[in-house]
């Protein structure tokens, strides 16, 4: 019974960690979209494009370094007087 309990707890923690990474990736994308939309530079086609800080944050998110990407994007958003979107 002890092994079964251990395996159950182990699988729970592995699943929880995977969900947290998925949540961070989704939040990272949300921040990138938000920053590009509200802080990006105007482009010729009526849309916006991200500046270098935003691109760096998005790149880190895309490469799986969500903690660094989130930090860069949240800092950029706050520096412009905006509040980052809720998780």
N, C-alpha and C. Protein backbone atom coordinates (compact mmCIF):
# COMPACT_ATOMS: atom_id res chain seq x y z
N UNK A 1 0.82 -1.20 0.00
CA UNK A 1 0.00 0.00 0.00
C UNK A 1 0.86 1.26 0.00
N UNK A 2 2.03 1.20 0.62
CA UNK A 2 2.90 2.36 0.69
C UNK A 2 3.41 2.74 -0.69
N UNK A 3 3.79 1.74 -1.50
CA UNK A 3 4.25 2.03 -2.86
C UNK A 3 3.14 2.64 -3.70
N UNK A 4 1.96 2.13 -3.54
CA UNK A 4 0.83 2.65 -4.29
C UNK A 4 0.55 4.10 -3.91
N UNK A 5 0.62 4.42 -2.64
CA UNK A 5 0.42 5.78 -2.18
C UNK A 5 1.51 6.70 -2.73
N UNK A 6 2.75 6.22 -2.67
CA UNK A 6 3.87 7.00 -3.20
C UNK A 6 3.69 7.27 -4.68
N UNK A 7 3.34 6.26 -5.45
CA UNK A 7 3.13 6.42 -6.89
C UNK A 7 1.97 7.38 -7.18
N UNK A 8 0.93 7.28 -6.39
CA UNK A 8 -0.20 8.18 -6.55
C UNK A 8 0.19 9.63 -6.31
N UNK A 9 0.94 9.87 -5.24
CA UNK A 9 1.40 11.22 -4.94
C UNK A 9 2.37 11.73 -6.00
N UNK A 10 3.25 10.86 -6.46
CA UNK A 10 4.19 11.25 -7.48
C UNK A 10 3.48 11.65 -8.77
N UNK A 11 2.51 10.87 -9.18
CA UNK A 11 1.77 11.20 -10.40
C UNK A 11 0.98 12.49 -10.23
N UNK A 12 0.46 12.73 -9.04
CA UNK A 12 -0.26 13.97 -8.77
C UNK A 12 0.66 15.19 -8.94
N UNK A 13 1.86 15.10 -8.35
CA UNK A 13 2.79 16.23 -8.44
C UNK A 13 3.30 16.45 -9.86
N UNK A 14 3.50 15.39 -10.60
CA UNK A 14 3.94 15.52 -11.99
C UNK A 14 2.83 16.18 -12.81
N UNK A 15 1.60 15.77 -12.60
CA UNK A 15 0.47 16.36 -13.34
C UNK A 15 0.29 17.82 -12.95
N UNK A 16 0.45 18.14 -11.68
CA UNK A 16 0.31 19.51 -11.21
C UNK A 16 1.38 20.40 -11.83
N UNK A 17 2.61 19.90 -11.91
CA UNK A 17 3.71 20.66 -12.51
C UNK A 17 3.44 20.89 -13.99
N UNK A 18 2.93 19.92 -14.69
CA UNK A 18 2.63 20.06 -16.12
C UNK A 18 1.54 21.10 -16.33
N UNK A 19 0.53 21.10 -15.47
CA UNK A 19 -0.54 22.09 -15.59
C UNK A 19 -0.02 23.50 -15.31
N UNK A 20 0.89 23.63 -14.33
CA UNK A 20 1.45 24.94 -14.01
C UNK A 20 2.27 25.47 -15.18
N UNK A 21 3.04 24.59 -15.83
CA UNK A 21 3.81 25.03 -17.00
C UNK A 21 2.89 25.45 -18.13
N UNK A 22 1.81 24.72 -18.30
CA UNK A 22 0.84 25.06 -19.34
C UNK A 22 0.18 26.41 -19.03
N UNK A 23 -0.15 26.63 -17.77
CA UNK A 23 -0.74 27.90 -17.36
C UNK A 23 0.23 29.06 -17.58
N UNK A 24 1.52 28.83 -17.25
CA UNK A 24 2.52 29.88 -17.46
C UNK A 24 2.68 30.19 -18.95
N UNK A 25 2.66 29.17 -19.79
CA UNK A 25 2.79 29.38 -21.23
C UNK A 25 1.59 30.17 -21.75
N UNK A 26 0.41 29.84 -21.28
CA UNK A 26 -0.79 30.56 -21.72
C UNK A 26 -0.75 32.02 -21.25
N UNK A 27 -0.31 32.23 -20.01
CA UNK A 27 -0.21 33.59 -19.48
C UNK A 27 0.86 34.38 -20.24
N UNK A 28 1.95 33.72 -20.56
CA UNK A 28 3.01 34.36 -21.32
C UNK A 28 2.49 34.84 -22.67
N UNK A 29 1.72 34.00 -23.34
CA UNK A 29 1.14 34.38 -24.64
C UNK A 29 0.18 35.55 -24.46
N UNK A 30 -0.62 35.49 -23.41
CA UNK A 30 -1.57 36.57 -23.14
C UNK A 30 -0.84 37.89 -22.91
N UNK A 31 0.27 37.85 -22.16
CA UNK A 31 1.05 39.07 -21.92
C UNK A 31 1.66 39.59 -23.22
N UNK A 32 2.19 38.70 -24.03
CA UNK A 32 2.78 39.10 -25.30
C UNK A 32 1.77 39.76 -26.21
N UNK A 33 0.59 39.16 -26.30
CA UNK A 33 -0.48 39.75 -27.12
C UNK A 33 -0.90 41.12 -26.59
N UNK A 34 -1.05 41.21 -25.28
CA UNK A 34 -1.46 42.46 -24.63
C UNK A 34 -0.42 43.56 -24.87
N UNK A 35 0.85 43.21 -24.64
CA UNK A 35 1.93 44.19 -24.81
C UNK A 35 2.03 44.65 -26.25
N UNK A 36 1.91 43.72 -27.19
CA UNK A 36 1.98 44.09 -28.60
C UNK A 36 0.82 44.99 -28.98
N UNK A 37 -0.36 44.65 -28.50
CA UNK A 37 -1.55 45.43 -28.87
C UNK A 37 -1.52 46.84 -28.31
N UNK A 38 -1.15 46.98 -27.03
CA UNK A 38 -1.25 48.29 -26.39
C UNK A 38 0.06 49.07 -26.35
N UNK A 39 1.19 48.39 -26.49
CA UNK A 39 2.47 49.09 -26.37
C UNK A 39 3.30 49.04 -27.64
N UNK A 40 2.84 48.27 -28.62
CA UNK A 40 3.61 48.11 -29.84
C UNK A 40 3.65 49.37 -30.68
N UNK A 41 4.59 49.37 -31.60
CA UNK A 41 4.73 50.50 -32.52
C UNK A 41 3.72 50.36 -33.65
N UNK A 42 3.19 51.46 -34.11
CA UNK A 42 2.23 51.43 -35.21
C UNK A 42 2.93 50.97 -36.49
N UNK A 43 2.27 50.09 -37.21
CA UNK A 43 2.82 49.64 -38.48
C UNK A 43 2.01 50.25 -39.62
N UNK A 44 2.49 50.08 -40.82
CA UNK A 44 1.86 50.70 -41.97
C UNK A 44 0.51 50.11 -42.33
N UNK A 45 0.21 48.92 -41.86
CA UNK A 45 -1.05 48.28 -42.25
C UNK A 45 -2.16 48.47 -41.22
N UNK A 46 -1.96 49.39 -40.29
CA UNK A 46 -3.00 49.67 -39.30
C UNK A 46 -2.89 48.85 -38.04
N UNK A 47 -1.97 47.88 -37.99
CA UNK A 47 -1.77 47.07 -36.79
C UNK A 47 -0.62 47.61 -35.96
N UNK A 48 -0.14 46.80 -35.07
CA UNK A 48 1.01 47.17 -34.26
C UNK A 48 2.04 46.06 -34.33
N UNK A 49 3.30 46.42 -34.07
CA UNK A 49 4.36 45.42 -34.02
C UNK A 49 5.10 45.63 -32.70
N UNK A 50 5.61 44.55 -32.13
CA UNK A 50 6.28 44.67 -30.83
C UNK A 50 7.63 45.36 -30.94
N UNK A 51 8.03 46.05 -29.86
CA UNK A 51 9.38 46.60 -29.83
C UNK A 51 10.35 45.51 -29.38
N UNK A 52 11.62 45.86 -29.22
CA UNK A 52 12.62 44.84 -28.92
C UNK A 52 12.42 44.17 -27.57
N UNK A 53 12.00 44.91 -26.55
CA UNK A 53 11.75 44.32 -25.23
C UNK A 53 10.61 43.30 -25.30
N UNK A 54 9.56 43.68 -25.97
CA UNK A 54 8.41 42.78 -26.10
C UNK A 54 8.82 41.54 -26.89
N UNK A 55 9.57 41.73 -27.96
CA UNK A 55 10.02 40.59 -28.77
C UNK A 55 10.90 39.65 -27.94
N UNK A 56 11.76 40.21 -27.08
CA UNK A 56 12.61 39.38 -26.23
C UNK A 56 11.76 38.55 -25.27
N UNK A 57 10.77 39.19 -24.65
CA UNK A 57 9.89 38.46 -23.74
C UNK A 57 9.12 37.35 -24.44
N UNK A 58 8.59 37.65 -25.61
CA UNK A 58 7.85 36.65 -26.38
C UNK A 58 8.78 35.51 -26.80
N UNK A 59 10.00 35.84 -27.20
CA UNK A 59 10.97 34.83 -27.61
C UNK A 59 11.30 33.89 -26.45
N UNK A 60 11.49 34.45 -25.26
CA UNK A 60 11.78 33.61 -24.09
C UNK A 60 10.59 32.70 -23.79
N UNK A 61 9.39 33.23 -23.91
CA UNK A 61 8.20 32.41 -23.69
C UNK A 61 8.14 31.27 -24.70
N UNK A 62 8.39 31.57 -25.96
CA UNK A 62 8.33 30.56 -27.01
C UNK A 62 9.39 29.48 -26.85
N UNK A 63 10.51 29.84 -26.21
CA UNK A 63 11.59 28.88 -26.01
C UNK A 63 11.44 28.11 -24.70
N UNK A 64 10.34 28.35 -23.97
CA UNK A 64 10.06 27.61 -22.75
C UNK A 64 10.55 28.25 -21.47
N UNK A 65 11.20 29.39 -21.56
CA UNK A 65 11.66 30.09 -20.37
C UNK A 65 10.60 31.10 -19.96
N UNK A 66 9.46 30.55 -19.51
CA UNK A 66 8.31 31.40 -19.23
C UNK A 66 8.53 32.36 -18.07
N UNK A 67 9.30 31.95 -17.07
CA UNK A 67 9.54 32.83 -15.92
C UNK A 67 10.23 34.11 -16.36
N UNK A 68 11.26 33.98 -17.19
CA UNK A 68 11.98 35.17 -17.68
C UNK A 68 11.10 35.98 -18.63
N UNK A 69 10.36 35.30 -19.50
CA UNK A 69 9.48 36.00 -20.43
C UNK A 69 8.39 36.78 -19.72
N UNK A 70 7.78 36.17 -18.74
CA UNK A 70 6.74 36.84 -17.96
C UNK A 70 7.31 38.07 -17.25
N UNK A 71 8.49 37.92 -16.66
CA UNK A 71 9.11 39.04 -15.94
C UNK A 71 9.37 40.22 -16.88
N UNK A 72 9.90 39.94 -18.06
CA UNK A 72 10.20 41.00 -19.03
C UNK A 72 8.92 41.69 -19.48
N UNK A 73 7.91 40.90 -19.82
CA UNK A 73 6.67 41.47 -20.33
C UNK A 73 5.91 42.26 -19.26
N UNK A 74 5.83 41.71 -18.05
CA UNK A 74 5.15 42.44 -16.98
C UNK A 74 5.87 43.76 -16.67
N UNK A 75 7.20 43.73 -16.65
CA UNK A 75 7.96 44.95 -16.38
C UNK A 75 7.71 46.00 -17.47
N UNK A 76 7.70 45.57 -18.71
CA UNK A 76 7.46 46.48 -19.83
C UNK A 76 6.07 47.10 -19.73
N UNK A 77 5.08 46.27 -19.44
CA UNK A 77 3.70 46.75 -19.33
C UNK A 77 3.57 47.76 -18.19
N UNK A 78 4.15 47.44 -17.04
CA UNK A 78 4.08 48.36 -15.89
C UNK A 78 4.84 49.66 -16.16
N UNK A 79 5.97 49.57 -16.87
CA UNK A 79 6.76 50.77 -17.12
C UNK A 79 6.02 51.80 -17.97
N UNK A 80 5.03 51.35 -18.71
CA UNK A 80 4.22 52.24 -19.54
C UNK A 80 2.94 52.68 -18.85
N UNK A 81 2.79 52.32 -17.56
CA UNK A 81 1.64 52.76 -16.79
C UNK A 81 0.42 51.88 -16.91
N UNK A 82 0.56 50.70 -17.50
CA UNK A 82 -0.55 49.76 -17.62
C UNK A 82 -0.46 48.70 -16.54
N UNK A 83 -1.57 48.07 -16.27
CA UNK A 83 -1.62 46.93 -15.35
C UNK A 83 -1.66 45.65 -16.18
N UNK A 84 -0.77 44.70 -15.90
CA UNK A 84 -0.79 43.44 -16.66
C UNK A 84 -2.14 42.75 -16.50
N UNK A 85 -2.56 42.01 -17.53
CA UNK A 85 -3.83 41.29 -17.42
C UNK A 85 -3.77 40.21 -16.35
N UNK A 86 -4.93 39.85 -15.85
CA UNK A 86 -4.99 38.80 -14.83
C UNK A 86 -4.62 37.45 -15.41
N UNK A 87 -4.09 36.61 -14.57
CA UNK A 87 -3.77 35.25 -15.01
C UNK A 87 -5.06 34.53 -15.22
